[in-house]
Amino acid sequence: MAGLCRGQRCSSAPRFVPHDELLTNLGCKVGENGWVATDPTGATSVAGVWAAGNVVDSPAQVITAVITAAGAGTVAAIAINHYLLEEDIKHAVAKYHTAGNALSNVTEQRVAEGVLGDPSP
């Protein structure tokens, strides 16, 4: 702990250190702040890997920020679900094409929009 003492009054503060060995061993980049770098959804620099909470943000170490960390985890969970759904669709379409079937671009777009929703704003 870092501390400062003057006279008989002392104050100290913990030094937060992310325990991010799993993520860094996978190749996730660490930001200039020393924490695992993520985008707003929690996606890391490694495809298919998300992170949230006290490995990406120092304030998440503080008890009062538990709710913020839980919220970040929820955002990451939603992004993971979308990622997995998109991968499932890609594999299903590829399997369909491999079986000798063909979808027109228009039909393929309609199927994707039906599953993922309309991508236009």
C-alpha atoms as a PDB file:
ATOM      1  CA  MET A   1       0.000   0.000   0.000  1.00  0.00           C
ATOM      2  CA  ALA A   2       1.124   3.491  -0.749  1.00  0.00           C
ATOM      3  CA  GLY A   3       0.868   5.826   2.187  1.00  0.00           C
ATOM      4  CA  LEU A   4       1.543   9.297   3.498  1.00  0.00           C
ATOM      5  CA  CYS A   5       2.174  10.166   7.143  1.00  0.00           C
ATOM      6  CA  ARG A   6       2.308  13.625   8.686  1.00  0.00           C
ATOM      7  CA  GLY A   7       2.692  13.920  12.388  1.00  0.00           C
ATOM      8  CA  GLN A   8       0.401  11.365  13.938  1.00  0.00           C
ATOM      9  CA  ARG A   9      -2.024  11.211  11.027  1.00  0.00           C
ATOM     10  CA  CYS A  10      -1.488   8.632   8.353  1.00  0.00           C
ATOM     11  CA  SER A  11      -3.390   7.815   5.243  1.00  0.00           C
ATOM     12  CA  SER A  12      -2.886   4.952   2.892  1.00  0.00           C
ATOM     13  CA  ALA A  13      -4.380   3.680  -0.298  1.00  0.00           C
ATOM     14  CA  PRO A  14      -4.140   0.276  -1.909  1.00  0.00           C
ATOM     15  CA  ARG A  15      -2.263  -0.178  -5.145  1.00  0.00           C
ATOM     16  CA  PHE A  16      -4.599  -2.032  -7.472  1.00  0.00           C
ATOM     17  CA  VAL A  17      -2.998  -4.630  -9.719  1.00  0.00           C
ATOM     18  CA  PRO A  18      -4.990  -6.541 -12.320  1.00  0.00           C
ATOM     19  CA  HIS A  19      -4.634 -10.313 -12.173  1.00  0.00           C
ATOM     20  CA  ASP A  20      -4.825 -10.632 -15.936  1.00  0.00           C
ATOM     21  CA  GLU A  21      -2.355 -13.442 -16.604  1.00  0.00           C
ATOM     22  CA  LEU A  22      -4.934 -15.596 -18.403  1.00  0.00           C
ATOM     23  CA  LEU A  23      -5.876 -12.758 -20.744  1.00  0.00           C
ATOM     24  CA  THR A  24      -2.329 -11.559 -21.414  1.00  0.00           C
ATOM     25  CA  ASN A  25      -1.193 -15.168 -22.008  1.00  0.00           C
ATOM     26  CA  LEU A  26      -3.920 -15.401 -24.655  1.00  0.00           C
ATOM     27  CA  GLY A  27      -2.388 -12.319 -26.299  1.00  0.00           C
ATOM     28  CA  CYS A  28      -4.816  -9.614 -25.128  1.00  0.00           C
ATOM     29  CA  LYS A  29      -3.273  -6.168 -25.360  1.00  0.00           C
ATOM     30  CA  VAL A  30      -2.780  -4.071 -22.250  1.00  0.00           C
ATOM     31  CA  GLY A  31      -3.518  -0.353 -22.448  1.00  0.00           C
ATOM     32  CA  GLU A  32      -1.211   2.471 -21.415  1.00  0.00           C
ATOM     33  CA  ASN A  33      -3.025   2.497 -18.057  1.00  0.00           C
ATOM     34  CA  GLY A  34      -1.794  -1.053 -17.325  1.00  0.00           C
ATOM     35  CA  TRP A  35      -5.222  -2.698 -17.613  1.00  0.00           C
ATOM     36  CA  VAL A  36      -6.468  -5.061 -20.339  1.00  0.00           C
ATOM     37  CA  ALA A  37      -7.653  -2.963 -23.291  1.00  0.00           C
ATOM     38  CA  THR A  38     -11.244  -3.479 -24.456  1.00  0.00           C
ATOM     39  CA  ASP A  39     -13.764  -1.774 -26.685  1.00  0.00           C
ATOM     40  CA  PRO A  40     -17.075  -0.507 -25.205  1.00  0.00           C
ATOM     41  CA  THR A  41     -18.582  -4.024 -25.414  1.00  0.00           C
ATOM     42  CA  GLY A  42     -15.677  -5.601 -23.522  1.00  0.00           C
ATOM     43  CA  ALA A  43     -14.092  -7.210 -26.597  1.00  0.00           C
ATOM     44  CA  THR A  44     -10.321  -7.523 -26.293  1.00  0.00           C
ATOM     45  CA  SER A  45      -7.698  -7.467 -29.024  1.00  0.00           C
ATOM     46  CA  VAL A  46      -8.069 -11.264 -29.342  1.00  0.00           C
ATOM     47  CA  ALA A  47     -11.034 -12.360 -31.463  1.00  0.00           C
ATOM     48  CA  GLY A  48     -13.681 -14.143 -29.403  1.00  0.00           C
ATOM     49  CA  VAL A  49     -12.307 -12.987 -26.029  1.00  0.00           C
ATOM     50  CA  TRP A  50     -14.088 -10.452 -23.823  1.00  0.00           C
ATOM     51  CA  ALA A  51     -13.150  -9.026 -20.433  1.00  0.00           C
ATOM     52  CA  ALA A  52     -14.912  -6.942 -17.806  1.00  0.00           C
ATOM     53  CA  GLY A  53     -14.544  -5.815 -14.224  1.00  0.00           C
ATOM     54  CA  ASN A  54     -11.336  -5.606 -12.277  1.00  0.00           C
ATOM     55  CA  VAL A  55      -8.979  -6.696 -15.074  1.00  0.00           C
ATOM     56  CA  VAL A  56      -9.977  -3.810 -17.330  1.00  0.00           C
ATOM     57  CA  ASP A  57     -10.627  -0.982 -14.899  1.00  0.00           C
ATOM     58  CA  SER A  58      -8.954   0.076 -11.670  1.00  0.00           C
ATOM     59  CA  PRO A  59     -12.136   1.578 -10.144  1.00  0.00           C
ATOM     60  CA  ALA A  60     -13.818  -1.827 -10.493  1.00  0.00           C
ATOM     61  CA  GLN A  61     -11.528  -2.926  -7.651  1.00  0.00           C
ATOM     62  CA  VAL A  62     -13.389  -0.662  -5.220  1.00  0.00           C
ATOM     63  CA  ILE A  63     -16.431  -2.104  -3.453  1.00  0.00           C
ATOM     64  CA  THR A  64     -18.653   0.780  -4.584  1.00  0.00           C
ATOM     65  CA  ALA A  65     -17.881  -0.043  -8.209  1.00  0.00           C
ATOM     66  CA  VAL A  66     -19.124  -3.629  -8.048  1.00  0.00           C
ATOM     67  CA  ILE A  67     -22.343  -2.573  -9.759  1.00  0.00           C
ATOM     68  CA  THR A  68     -20.364  -0.895 -12.540  1.00  0.00           C
ATOM     69  CA  ALA A  69     -18.314  -4.069 -13.018  1.00  0.00           C
ATOM     70  CA  ALA A  70     -21.484  -6.173 -13.076  1.00  0.00           C
ATOM     71  CA  GLY A  71     -22.939  -3.821 -15.697  1.00  0.00           C
ATOM     72  CA  ALA A  72     -19.785  -4.163 -17.799  1.00  0.00           C
ATOM     73  CA  GLY A  73     -20.104  -7.935 -17.512  1.00  0.00           C
ATOM     74  CA  THR A  74     -23.696  -7.726 -18.741  1.00  0.00           C
ATOM     75  CA  VAL A  75     -22.651  -5.633 -21.755  1.00  0.00           C
ATOM     76  CA  ALA A  76     -19.909  -8.162 -22.531  1.00  0.00           C
ATOM     77  CA  ALA A  77     -22.390 -11.050 -22.209  1.00  0.00           C
ATOM     78  CA  ILE A  78     -24.716  -9.405 -24.734  1.00  0.00           C
ATOM     79  CA  ALA A  79     -21.796  -8.843 -27.136  1.00  0.00           C
ATOM     80  CA  ILE A  80     -20.688 -12.477 -26.727  1.00  0.00           C
ATOM     81  CA  ASN A  81     -24.216 -13.672 -27.497  1.00  0.00           C
ATOM     82  CA  HIS A  82     -24.317 -11.565 -30.687  1.00  0.00           C
ATOM     83  CA  TYR A  83     -20.861 -12.817 -31.700  1.00  0.00           C
ATOM     84  CA  LEU A  84     -21.848 -16.471 -31.207  1.00  0.00           C
ATOM     85  CA  LEU A  85     -25.135 -15.983 -33.073  1.00  0.00           C
ATOM     86  CA  GLU A  86     -23.302 -14.406 -36.001  1.00  0.00           C
ATOM     87  CA  GLU A  87     -20.804 -17.294 -36.047  1.00  0.00           C
ATOM     88  CA  ASP A  88     -23.662 -19.830 -35.988  1.00  0.00           C
ATOM     89  CA  ILE A  89     -25.311 -18.127 -38.956  1.00  0.00           C
ATOM     90  CA  LYS A  90     -22.045 -18.050 -40.922  1.00  0.00           C
ATOM     91  CA  HIS A  91     -21.498 -21.766 -40.286  1.00  0.00           C
ATOM     92  CA  ALA A  92     -25.102 -22.648 -41.170  1.00  0.00           C
ATOM     93  CA  VAL A  93     -24.953 -20.709 -44.445  1.00  0.00           C
ATOM     94  CA  ALA A  94     -21.571 -22.232 -45.315  1.00  0.00           C
ATOM     95  CA  LYS A  95     -22.915 -25.733 -44.569  1.00  0.00           C
ATOM     96  CA  TYR A  96     -25.972 -25.024 -46.710  1.00  0.00           C
ATOM     97  CA  HIS A  97     -23.776 -23.887 -49.624  1.00  0.00           C
ATOM     98  CA  THR A  98     -21.434 -26.887 -49.184  1.00  0.00           C
ATOM     99  CA  ALA A  99     -24.398 -29.258 -49.481  1.00  0.00           C
ATOM    100  CA  GLY A 100     -24.936 -27.972 -53.022  1.00  0.00           C
ATOM    101  CA  ASN A 101     -27.740 -25.604 -52.140  1.00  0.00           C
ATOM    102  CA  ALA A 102     -27.677 -21.998 -53.156  1.00  0.00           C
ATOM    103  CA  LEU A 103     -29.273 -18.913 -51.685  1.00  0.00           C
ATOM    104  CA  SER A 104     -29.480 -15.749 -53.685  1.00  0.00           C
ATOM    105  CA  ASN A 105     -27.861 -12.696 -52.107  1.00  0.00           C
ATOM    106  CA  VAL A 106     -31.333 -11.227 -51.555  1.00  0.00           C
ATOM    107  CA  THR A 107     -32.609 -14.365 -49.802  1.00  0.00           C
ATOM    108  CA  GLU A 108     -29.463 -14.602 -47.705  1.00  0.00           C
ATOM    109  CA  GLN A 109     -29.859 -10.938 -46.664  1.00  0.00           C
ATOM    110  CA  ARG A 110     -33.527 -11.515 -45.709  1.00  0.00           C
ATOM    111  CA  VAL A 111     -32.628 -14.552 -43.595  1.00  0.00           C
ATOM    112  CA  ALA A 112     -29.835 -12.636 -41.834  1.00  0.00           C
ATOM    113  CA  GLU A 113     -32.142  -9.667 -41.158  1.00  0.00           C
ATOM    114  CA  GLY A 114     -34.804 -12.013 -39.831  1.00  0.00           C
ATOM    115  CA  VAL A 115     -32.375 -13.478 -37.336  1.00  0.00           C
ATOM    116  CA  LEU A 116     -30.195 -10.478 -36.492  1.00  0.00           C
ATOM    117  CA  GLY A 117     -32.623  -7.638 -37.165  1.00  0.00           C
ATOM    118  CA  ASP A 118     -32.415  -4.844 -39.695  1.00  0.00           C
ATOM    119  CA  PRO A 119     -28.862  -3.373 -39.625  1.00  0.00           C
ATOM    120  CA  SER A 120     -29.959   0.007 -40.966  1.00  0.00           C
ATOM    121  CA  PRO A 121     -30.327   2.822 -38.383  1.00  0.00           C
END
